Structure formats: C-alpha cells, structure tokens
C-alpha atoms as a PDB file:
ATOM      1  CA  MET A   1      -0.270  -0.330  -0.042  1.00  0.00           C
ATOM      2  CA  ASN A   2       1.688   3.212  -1.327  1.00  0.00           C
ATOM      3  CA  ARG A   3      -0.942   5.883  -0.210  1.00  0.00           C
ATOM      4  CA  LYS A   4      -1.279   7.435   2.943  1.00  0.00           C
ATOM      5  CA  LEU A   5      -4.868   5.966   4.997  1.00  0.00           C
ATOM      6  CA  ARG A   6      -7.360   8.495   5.378  1.00  0.00           C
ATOM      7  CA  CYS A   7      -8.983   8.854   9.218  1.00  0.00           C
ATOM      8  CA  VAL A   8     -11.590  10.636  10.974  1.00  0.00           C
ATOM      9  CA  ILE A   9     -11.688  11.476  14.214  1.00  0.00           C
ATOM     10  CA  VAL A  10     -14.882  11.320  16.392  1.00  0.00           C
ATOM     11  CA  ASP A  11     -15.261  12.333  20.058  1.00  0.00           C
ATOM     12  CA  ASP A  12     -17.479  15.166  22.260  1.00  0.00           C
ATOM     13  CA  GLU A  13     -14.059  15.809  23.998  1.00  0.00           C
ATOM     14  CA  PRO A  14     -11.680  18.497  22.763  1.00  0.00           C
ATOM     15  CA  ILE A  15      -8.730  17.165  24.915  1.00  0.00           C
ATOM     16  CA  ALA A  16      -9.338  13.350  23.198  1.00  0.00           C
ATOM     17  CA  ARG A  17      -9.528  14.566  19.931  1.00  0.00           C
ATOM     18  CA  TYR A  18      -6.096  16.651  20.072  1.00  0.00           C
ATOM     19  CA  GLY A  19      -4.409  13.478  21.789  1.00  0.00           C
ATOM     20  CA  ILE A  20      -5.489  11.190  19.030  1.00  0.00           C
ATOM     21  CA  GLU A  21      -4.885  13.656  16.251  1.00  0.00           C
ATOM     22  CA  SER A  22      -1.106  14.357  17.430  1.00  0.00           C
ATOM     23  CA  TYR A  23      -0.633  10.553  17.449  1.00  0.00           C
ATOM     24  CA  VAL A  24      -1.899  10.287  13.872  1.00  0.00           C
ATOM     25  CA  ARG A  25       0.786  13.521  12.906  1.00  0.00           C
ATOM     26  CA  LYS A  26       3.681  10.769  13.901  1.00  0.00           C
ATOM     27  CA  PHE A  27       3.005   8.687  10.710  1.00  0.00           C
ATOM     28  CA  ASP A  28       3.736   9.227   7.150  1.00  0.00           C
ATOM     29  CA  TRP A  29       1.356   6.920   6.285  1.00  0.00           C
ATOM     30  CA  LEU A  30      -1.793   8.359   8.376  1.00  0.00           C
ATOM     31  CA  GLU A  31      -3.690  11.398   6.644  1.00  0.00           C
ATOM     32  CA  CYS A  32      -6.662  12.623   9.538  1.00  0.00           C
ATOM     33  CA  VAL A  33      -9.035  13.777   6.979  1.00  0.00           C
ATOM     34  CA  GLY A  34     -11.507  15.853   9.671  1.00  0.00           C
ATOM     35  CA  THR A  35     -12.493  15.842  13.421  1.00  0.00           C
ATOM     36  CA  PHE A  36     -16.034  15.705  14.669  1.00  0.00           C
ATOM     37  CA  GLU A  37     -17.509  16.884  17.913  1.00  0.00           C
ATOM     38  CA  ASN A  38     -20.252  13.994  17.416  1.00  0.00           C
ATOM     39  CA  ALA A  39     -21.685  11.507  15.089  1.00  0.00           C
ATOM     40  CA  PHE A  40     -24.134  14.083  13.513  1.00  0.00           C
ATOM     41  CA  GLU A  41     -21.282  15.859  12.099  1.00  0.00           C
ATOM     42  CA  LEU A  42     -19.444  12.932  10.929  1.00  0.00           C
ATOM     43  CA  ASP A  43     -22.797  11.762   9.213  1.00  0.00           C
ATOM     44  CA  ARG A  44     -23.228  15.074   7.913  1.00  0.00           C
ATOM     45  CA  PHE A  45     -19.477  15.035   6.417  1.00  0.00           C
ATOM     46  CA  LEU A  46     -20.093  11.572   4.774  1.00  0.00           C
ATOM     47  CA  LYS A  47     -22.996  12.850   2.929  1.00  0.00           C
ATOM     48  CA  GLU A  48     -21.674  16.245   1.563  1.00  0.00           C
ATOM     49  CA  THR A  49     -19.097  13.948   0.216  1.00  0.00           C
ATOM     50  CA  GLN A  50     -21.934  11.836  -1.095  1.00  0.00           C
ATOM     51  CA  CYS A  51     -20.584   8.889   0.226  1.00  0.00           C
ATOM     52  CA  ARG A  52     -23.141   7.113   3.126  1.00  0.00           C
ATOM     53  CA  GLU A  53     -21.393   4.122   3.180  1.00  0.00           C
ATOM     54  CA  ILE A  54     -18.163   4.167   4.929  1.00  0.00           C
ATOM     55  CA  GLY A  55     -14.837   3.234   2.958  1.00  0.00           C
ATOM     56  CA  ALA A  56     -16.326   3.519  -0.242  1.00  0.00           C
ATOM     57  CA  GLU A  57     -16.477   6.623  -2.621  1.00  0.00           C
ATOM     58  CA  CYS A  58     -15.073   9.024   0.320  1.00  0.00           C
ATOM     59  CA  ASN A  59     -12.409   6.624   1.172  1.00  0.00           C
ATOM     60  CA  VAL A  60     -12.007   6.974   4.480  1.00  0.00           C
ATOM     61  CA  ASP A  61     -10.032   4.063   5.911  1.00  0.00           C
ATOM     62  CA  ILE A  62     -10.372   4.244   9.439  1.00  0.00           C
ATOM     63  CA  ILE A  63     -12.610   5.664  12.189  1.00  0.00           C
ATOM     64  CA  PHE A  64     -11.245   6.580  15.708  1.00  0.00           C
ATOM     65  CA  ILE A  65     -14.472   7.207  17.643  1.00  0.00           C
ATOM     66  CA  ASP A  66     -15.967   7.394  21.064  1.00  0.00           C
ATOM     67  CA  ILE A  67     -18.953   5.833  22.740  1.00  0.00           C
ATOM     68  CA  GLU A  68     -20.441   8.306  25.219  1.00  0.00           C
ATOM     69  CA  MET A  69     -21.478  11.079  22.949  1.00  0.00           C
ATOM     70  CA  PRO A  70     -24.718  13.640  23.081  1.00  0.00           C
ATOM     71  CA  GLY A  71     -27.316  12.732  20.685  1.00  0.00           C
ATOM     72  CA  ILE A  72     -26.641   8.838  19.441  1.00  0.00           C
ATOM     73  CA  THR A  73     -23.829   6.916  20.809  1.00  0.00           C
ATOM     74  CA  GLY A  74     -20.836   5.479  18.596  1.00  0.00           C
ATOM     75  CA  MET A  75     -21.968   2.243  19.025  1.00  0.00           C
ATOM     76  CA  GLU A  76     -25.722   3.076  17.899  1.00  0.00           C
ATOM     77  CA  TYR A  77     -24.333   5.011  15.304  1.00  0.00           C
ATOM     78  CA  LEU A  78     -21.823   2.001  13.913  1.00  0.00           C
ATOM     79  CA  GLY A  79     -25.045  -0.158  14.371  1.00  0.00           C
ATOM     80  CA  SER A  80     -26.850   1.922  11.483  1.00  0.00           C
ATOM     81  CA  VAL A  81     -24.372   2.399   8.640  1.00  0.00           C
ATOM     82  CA  ASN A  82     -22.376  -0.460   6.673  1.00  0.00           C
ATOM     83  CA  THR A  83     -18.694  -0.378   7.670  1.00  0.00           C
ATOM     84  CA  LYS A  84     -15.991  -0.760   5.430  1.00  0.00           C
ATOM     85  CA  ALA A  85     -13.393   1.083   7.078  1.00  0.00           C
ATOM     86  CA  ALA A  86     -11.281  -0.269  10.119  1.00  0.00           C
ATOM     87  CA  VAL A  87     -13.097   1.184  13.476  1.00  0.00           C
ATOM     88  CA  ILE A  88     -11.235   2.080  16.493  1.00  0.00           C
ATOM     89  CA  VAL A  89     -12.996   2.324  19.292  1.00  0.00           C
ATOM     90  CA  ILE A  90     -11.794   4.570  21.989  1.00  0.00           C
ATOM     91  CA  THR A  91     -13.441   5.506  25.450  1.00  0.00           C
ATOM     92  CA  ALA A  92     -13.648   5.104  29.310  1.00  0.00           C
ATOM     93  CA  TYR A  93     -15.902   2.491  29.622  1.00  0.00           C
ATOM     94  CA  GLU A  94     -14.525  -0.916  29.505  1.00  0.00           C
ATOM     95  CA  GLU A  95     -18.044  -2.400  29.576  1.00  0.00           C
ATOM     96  CA  TYR A  96     -18.670  -1.848  25.374  1.00  0.00           C
ATOM     97  CA  ALA A  97     -15.884  -4.042  24.574  1.00  0.00           C
ATOM     98  CA  LEU A  98     -18.253  -6.973  23.657  1.00  0.00           C
ATOM     99  CA  LYS A  99     -20.651  -4.791  22.126  1.00  0.00           C
ATOM    100  CA  GLY A 100     -17.781  -3.183  19.881  1.00  0.00           C
ATOM    101  CA  TYR A 101     -16.743  -6.711  19.122  1.00  0.00           C
ATOM    102  CA  GLU A 102     -20.092  -7.587  17.714  1.00  0.00           C
ATOM    103  CA  LEU A 103     -20.349  -4.806  15.260  1.00  0.00           C
ATOM    104  CA  ASN A 104     -16.867  -5.741  14.130  1.00  0.00           C
ATOM    105  CA  VAL A 105     -14.574  -3.047  15.308  1.00  0.00           C
ATOM    106  CA  THR A 106     -11.290  -3.028  14.475  1.00  0.00           C
ATOM    107  CA  ASP A 107      -9.680  -2.312  18.049  1.00  0.00           C
ATOM    108  CA  TYR A 108     -11.215  -0.858  21.347  1.00  0.00           C
ATOM    109  CA  LEU A 109      -8.892   1.403  23.274  1.00  0.00           C
ATOM    110  CA  LEU A 110      -9.075   2.550  27.244  1.00  0.00           C
ATOM    111  CA  LYS A 111      -9.106   5.939  27.896  1.00  0.00           C
ATOM    112  CA  PRO A 112      -6.107   7.349  28.577  1.00  0.00           C
ATOM    113  CA  VAL A 113      -4.306   5.686  25.399  1.00  0.00           C
ATOM    114  CA  SER A 114      -0.739   5.042  25.296  1.00  0.00           C
ATOM    115  CA  PHE A 115       1.251   5.615  22.320  1.00  0.00           C
ATOM    116  CA  ALA A 116       2.065   2.224  22.536  1.00  0.00           C
ATOM    117  CA  ARG A 117      -1.213   0.515  22.649  1.00  0.00           C
ATOM    118  CA  PHE A 118      -2.553   3.191  19.791  1.00  0.00           C
ATOM    119  CA  LEU A 119       0.972   1.866  17.743  1.00  0.00           C
ATOM    120  CA  LYS A 120      -0.650  -1.503  18.203  1.00  0.00           C
ATOM    121  CA  ALA A 121      -4.280  -0.771  17.043  1.00  0.00           C
ATOM    122  CA  VAL A 122      -3.493   1.428  13.872  1.00  0.00           C
ATOM    123  CA  ASN A 123      -1.142  -1.736  12.643  1.00  0.00           C
ATOM    124  CA  LYS A 124      -3.610  -3.480  13.095  1.00  0.00           C
ATOM    125  CA  ALA A 125      -6.033  -1.223  10.691  1.00  0.00           C
ATOM    126  CA  ARG A 126      -3.208  -1.095   8.701  1.00  0.00           C
ATOM    127  CA  GLU A 127      -3.241  -4.560   7.927  1.00  0.00           C
ATOM    128  CA  TYR A 128      -6.846  -4.796   7.583  1.00  0.00           C
ATOM    129  CA  CYS A 129      -6.815  -2.268   5.110  1.00  0.00           C
ATOM    130  CA  MET A 130      -4.205  -3.675   3.102  1.00  0.00           C
ATOM    131  CA  ALA A 131      -5.949  -6.796   2.876  1.00  0.00           C
ATOM    132  CA  MET A 132      -9.109  -4.937   1.864  1.00  0.00           C
ATOM    133  CA  GLU A 133      -7.226  -3.074  -0.774  1.00  0.00           C
ATOM    134  CA  GLN A 134      -5.721  -6.533  -1.958  1.00  0.00           C
ATOM    135  CA  LEU A 135      -9.034  -8.264  -2.049  1.00  0.00           C
ATOM    136  CA  SER A 136     -10.503  -5.333  -4.211  1.00  0.00           C
ATOM    137  CA  HIS A 137      -7.648  -5.677  -6.831  1.00  0.00           C
ATOM    138  CA  SER A 138      -8.582  -9.339  -6.865  1.00  0.00           C
ATOM    139  CA  ASN A 139     -11.811  -8.882  -7.386  1.00  0.00           C
ATOM    140  CA  ASN A 140     -11.290  -6.368 -10.518  1.00  0.00           C
ATOM    141  CA  ALA A 141      -8.601  -8.363 -11.798  1.00  0.00           C
ATOM    142  CA  GLU A 142      -9.470 -10.342 -15.315  1.00  0.00           C
ATOM    143  CA  ASN A 143      -8.535 -13.308 -13.420  1.00  0.00           C
ATOM    144  CA  THR A 144     -10.865 -13.056 -10.721  1.00  0.00           C
ATOM    145  CA  ASP A 145     -12.448 -15.803  -9.590  1.00  0.00           C
ATOM    146  CA  ALA A 146     -15.619 -16.310 -11.131  1.00  0.00           C
ATOM    147  CA  ASN A 147     -16.556 -18.969  -9.104  1.00  0.00           C
ATOM    148  CA  ALA A 148     -16.541 -17.526  -5.441  1.00  0.00           C
ATOM    149  CA  ILE A 149     -17.590 -14.605  -3.597  1.00  0.00           C
ATOM    150  CA  PHE A 150     -15.505 -12.955  -0.556  1.00  0.00           C
ATOM    151  CA  VAL A 151     -17.326 -12.262   2.731  1.00  0.00           C
ATOM    152  CA  LYS A 152     -16.407 -10.010   5.730  1.00  0.00           C
ATOM    153  CA  SER A 153     -17.664 -11.920   9.187  1.00  0.00           C
ATOM    154  CA  ASP A 154     -16.436 -11.368  12.675  1.00  0.00           C
ATOM    155  CA  ARG A 155     -13.367  -9.265  11.414  1.00  0.00           C
ATOM    156  CA  ILE A 156     -12.528 -12.341   8.993  1.00  0.00           C
ATOM    157  CA  ILE A 157     -13.045 -12.586   5.370  1.00  0.00           C
ATOM    158  CA  HIS A 158     -14.287 -15.718   4.175  1.00  0.00           C
ATOM    159  CA  ARG A 159     -14.118 -17.223   0.562  1.00  0.00           C
ATOM    160  CA  LEU A 160     -17.386 -18.342  -0.058  1.00  0.00           C
ATOM    161  CA  ILE A 161     -17.516 -20.623  -2.853  1.00  0.00           C
ATOM    162  CA  LEU A 162     -20.396 -20.197  -5.121  1.00  0.00           C
ATOM    163  CA  ASP A 163     -21.740 -23.723  -5.626  1.00  0.00           C
ATOM    164  CA  GLU A 164     -21.632 -24.542  -2.165  1.00  0.00           C
ATOM    165  CA  ILE A 165     -24.152 -21.680  -0.779  1.00  0.00           C
ATOM    166  CA  TYR A 166     -27.439 -22.782  -0.327  1.00  0.00           C
ATOM    167  CA  PHE A 167     -29.450 -19.656   0.173  1.00  0.00           C
ATOM    168  CA  VAL A 168     -29.264 -16.159   1.441  1.00  0.00           C
ATOM    169  CA  GLU A 169     -31.392 -14.518   3.695  1.00  0.00           C
ATOM    170  CA  GLY A 170     -31.906 -10.769   4.783  1.00  0.00           C
ATOM    171  CA  MET A 171     -32.169  -9.929   8.213  1.00  0.00           C
ATOM    172  CA  GLU A 172     -32.541  -5.877   8.716  1.00  0.00           C
ATOM    173  CA  ASN A 173     -28.713  -4.744   8.049  1.00  0.00           C
ATOM    174  CA  TYR A 174     -27.732  -8.312   8.450  1.00  0.00           C
ATOM    175  CA  VAL A 175     -28.005 -11.392   5.750  1.00  0.00           C
ATOM    176  CA  LYS A 176     -27.251 -14.935   6.551  1.00  0.00           C
ATOM    177  CA  ILE A 177     -25.296 -16.905   4.446  1.00  0.00           C
ATOM    178  CA  HIS A 178     -26.092 -20.613   4.532  1.00  0.00           C
ATOM    179  CA  THR A 179     -23.814 -22.610   2.975  1.00  0.00           C
ATOM    180  CA  HIS A 180     -22.575 -26.672   2.955  1.00  0.00           C
ATOM    181  CA  ASN A 181     -20.170 -25.575   5.555  1.00  0.00           C
ATOM    182  CA  GLY A 182     -22.689 -23.548   7.896  1.00  0.00           C
ATOM    183  CA  VAL A 183     -23.955 -20.263   8.124  1.00  0.00           C
ATOM    184  CA  VAL A 184     -21.986 -17.229   7.561  1.00  0.00           C
ATOM    185  CA  VAL A 185     -23.639 -13.767   9.042  1.00  0.00           C
ATOM    186  CA  THR A 186     -21.988 -10.291   7.700  1.00  0.00           C
ATOM    187  CA  ARG A 187     -23.474  -6.951   7.571  1.00  0.00           C
ATOM    188  CA  ALA A 188     -24.613  -5.909   4.617  1.00  0.00           C
ATOM    189  CA  SER A 189     -27.843  -5.563   2.605  1.00  0.00           C
ATOM    190  CA  LEU A 190     -29.430  -8.514   0.630  1.00  0.00           C
ATOM    191  CA  LYS A 191     -29.350  -6.035  -2.300  1.00  0.00           C
ATOM    192  CA  SER A 192     -26.142  -5.653  -2.377  1.00  0.00           C
ATOM    193  CA  VAL A 193     -25.438  -9.661  -1.529  1.00  0.00           C
ATOM    194  CA  ILE A 194     -27.797 -10.392  -5.233  1.00  0.00           C
ATOM    195  CA  ALA A 195     -25.444  -8.022  -7.245  1.00  0.00           C
ATOM    196  CA  LYS A 196     -22.716 -10.046  -6.419  1.00  0.00           C
ATOM    197  CA  LEU A 197     -24.006 -13.650  -7.533  1.00  0.00           C
ATOM    198  CA  PRO A 198     -24.742 -14.830 -10.952  1.00  0.00           C
ATOM    199  CA  GLU A 199     -28.397 -14.444 -12.333  1.00  0.00           C
ATOM    200  CA  LYS A 200     -28.158 -18.129 -13.771  1.00  0.00           C
ATOM    201  CA  SER A 201     -27.616 -19.667 -10.789  1.00  0.00           C
ATOM    202  CA  PHE A 202     -29.687 -17.258  -7.696  1.00  0.00           C
ATOM    203  CA  MET A 203     -32.824 -15.739  -7.751  1.00  0.00           C
ATOM    204  CA  GLN A 204     -35.118 -13.903  -5.053  1.00  0.00           C
ATOM    205  CA  VAL A 205     -38.120 -15.774  -3.998  1.00  0.00           C
ATOM    206  CA  HIS A 206     -39.247 -13.813  -0.758  1.00  0.00           C
ATOM    207  CA  LYS A 207     -38.424 -10.232   0.144  1.00  0.00           C
ATOM    208  CA  SER A 208     -35.696 -11.950   2.715  1.00  0.00           C
ATOM    209  CA  TYR A 209     -34.528 -15.104   0.317  1.00  0.00           C
ATOM    210  CA  VAL A 210     -32.342 -15.617  -2.465  1.00  0.00           C
ATOM    211  CA  VAL A 211     -31.709 -19.160  -3.434  1.00  0.00           C
ATOM    212  CA  ASN A 212     -29.589 -21.475  -5.286  1.00  0.00           C
ATOM    213  CA  PHE A 213     -31.759 -23.457  -7.622  1.00  0.00           C
ATOM    214  CA  SER A 214     -29.252 -25.803  -8.130  1.00  0.00           C
ATOM    215  CA  LYS A 215     -29.835 -26.767  -4.245  1.00  0.00           C
ATOM    216  CA  ILE A 216     -33.367 -27.460  -4.634  1.00  0.00           C
ATOM    217  CA  GLU A 217     -34.387 -30.549  -3.553  1.00  0.00           C
ATOM    218  CA  SER A 218     -37.974 -30.539  -3.414  1.00  0.00           C
ATOM    219  CA  VAL A 219     -40.834 -28.097  -3.659  1.00  0.00           C
ATOM    220  CA  GLU A 220     -44.057 -28.499  -1.606  1.00  0.00           C
ATOM    221  CA  GLY A 221     -46.611 -26.094  -1.739  1.00  0.00           C
ATOM    222  CA  ASN A 222     -44.632 -22.548  -0.771  1.00  0.00           C
ATOM    223  CA  MET A 223     -41.720 -23.989   0.819  1.00  0.00           C
ATOM    224  CA  LEU A 224     -38.606 -24.857  -0.985  1.00  0.00           C
ATOM    225  CA  HIS A 225     -36.391 -27.431   0.766  1.00  0.00           C
ATOM    226  CA  PHE A 226     -32.671 -27.869   0.158  1.00  0.00           C
ATOM    227  CA  GLY A 227     -30.270 -30.511   1.098  1.00  0.00           C
ATOM    228  CA  ASN A 228     -29.058 -28.857   4.493  1.00  0.00           C
ATOM    229  CA  ARG A 229     -32.517 -29.542   5.488  1.00  0.00           C
ATOM    230  CA  GLU A 230     -33.636 -26.179   5.401  1.00  0.00           C
ATOM    231  CA  SER A 231     -36.697 -24.676   3.907  1.00  0.00           C
ATOM    232  CA  VAL A 232     -37.102 -21.265   2.219  1.00  0.00           C
ATOM    233  CA  PRO A 233     -40.554 -19.660   1.352  1.00  0.00           C
ATOM    234  CA  VAL A 234     -41.572 -18.478  -1.970  1.00  0.00           C
ATOM    235  CA  SER A 235     -43.667 -15.382  -2.295  1.00  0.00           C
ATOM    236  CA  ARG A 236     -47.000 -15.286  -4.308  1.00  0.00           C
ATOM    237  CA  SER A 237     -45.015 -12.624  -6.894  1.00  0.00           C
ATOM    238  CA  TYR A 238     -41.601 -14.294  -7.001  1.00  0.00           C
ATOM    239  CA  LYS A 239     -43.652 -18.077  -7.447  1.00  0.00           C
ATOM    240  CA  GLN A 240     -44.471 -18.222 -11.319  1.00  0.00           C
ATOM    241  CA  LYS A 241     -41.078 -16.691 -12.428  1.00  0.00           C
ATOM    242  CA  LEU A 242     -39.146 -19.218 -10.104  1.00  0.00           C
ATOM    243  CA  PHE A 243     -41.164 -22.214 -11.893  1.00  0.00           C
ATOM    244  CA  GLU A 244     -40.802 -20.816 -15.221  1.00  0.00           C
ATOM    245  CA  LYS A 245     -37.157 -21.237 -14.556  1.00  0.00           C
ATOM    246  CA  LEU A 246     -36.847 -24.197 -12.620  1.00  0.00           C
ATOM    247  CA  THR A 247     -38.850 -25.214 -16.214  1.00  0.00           C
ATOM    248  CA  LEU A 248     -36.177 -23.955 -18.172  1.00  0.00           C
ATOM    249  CA  SER A 249     -33.399 -25.122 -16.256  1.00  0.00           C
ATOM    250  CA  HIS A 250     -34.878 -28.645 -16.800  1.00  0.00           C
ATOM    251  CA  PHE A 251     -35.775 -29.105 -12.930  1.00  0.00           C
ATOM    252  CA  LEU A 252     -39.278 -30.061 -13.654  1.00  0.00           C
ATOM    253  CA  ASP A 253     -41.337 -31.922 -16.493  1.00  0.00           C
ATOM    254  CA  PRO A 254     -42.674 -29.078 -19.084  1.00  0.00           C
ATOM    255  CA  ASP A 255     -46.098 -30.649 -19.191  1.00  0.00           C
ATOM    256  CA  LEU A 256     -46.873 -30.597 -14.906  1.00  0.00           C
END
C-alpha cells in the first residue's frame, strides 16, 4: 500500500480529539481528513462527500470513534451504517468492549490511550486496510475467481464457493449466507449480495430470501426444501417466475 490511509476522529471531548490527532501526525502513512464532536457531524461529512457507505467513494480508511457522545452513541451510529473502514473505538468505558466486537470493530482502546497501545491498534488497522485493498484489486482483475465471493464476518474475510451456497437470508442490516459448511453472517443488505450473485444460478423468491436453485431438492406448496434440511418460503409474486426458471433449467417436467 503506497498511499496514505485517511482517517477521521469522532469524540465530544476536545482534549481527546487533540490527543488522537497528535498521535496520527506521528505517522507518515496516516492522514486525518476530519475531526468531529459527534456522530451527526461525521454523518453530515459523509453525506456532503456523497459517501453514505463508509469506506467507499469518500475513501475513509480508519475511524476513531468515542462511544458516549450526546445525541447518538458511537455504537448506535456504527449499528446504523455499513462500515467498510477499520473502526477503532476509543472510550473510558470498558464494559462496551463486547458490544464493540459484535460490530466487528478492529480494536478497542481505553482512555487514557498510551502511544504504545495506539501504535498496536493502527498497525492492526493498516493490515486490515491492506487486506481489503488487495481483495478489491483481486475482484477487479481479469482473473477474478468467478466461482466464489468474498464476505467479511467477525473481522475475517471468508471465501465462499458459489456452488456451496444454499440460500441467502436478509435480516434488516445483516444477511445470513447458508452454505454447505455452515452459516456466515455479515453486515450488508440483501440487495448488495444479490448484485454479487450470478443470475443464472441464483434468484430472489421472497423479500428476505435468495436461493441457489441448483440446491433445491423439492418444492412443496410455497416452500423450497434444501439438502441441508432447511426450507425457504416463496412469495406469491415470485412463484410463477421461479417455476418458469426451474422449467427452463430442466428441473421440472414442462408438462406439469
């Protein structure tokens, strides 16, 4: 990674913001592009740069964010956005650590933060950003593996073979990808996952479900049954299209 990593600092305490910014200035590969008193200011900044999804167009690589802030807490804000950036939570409250890891934060620092501990956290964030950049380059390359997708879950990037996916289940801000080897949960919209799946193999059959119809073992009424012994409902609005596609794919006798 030859470029500088762009970071933002969100904390309602001026001294805390200054302290983190002073640490950032010690690294020639870090660049602070904004400091904010609360999550509303950060959100406004992202919208003004036409970047509602953190880590996308506006290219914010690292977020340093406090938890206890007026209006909306850091945790509440992180729970409301799709975060591709590395998130480093900085707070005086140790009891929030577990919740932070549930939101896939990169690291969790307790105030007052020593430089040695800060160094460890930003190096971890740098490794994460390098891995994400390498993944992005791989996905854009001509030799991208068309038979798999990469999914971030629990701070780990998983490579999922498309032929091993049974179905995808949308759950508000999360999706559950049911595969031959188990379930992978990732923070994303069902729509964004659909965009990564080939239409010839996958189809939406319900507002909350997308299925791999090569994995369908049987159709019973409005239910699809899979080899992993799980079932998925089919909405009336999708049923006719599903049966037409299954027929064309020789899953059903056209005379039925």
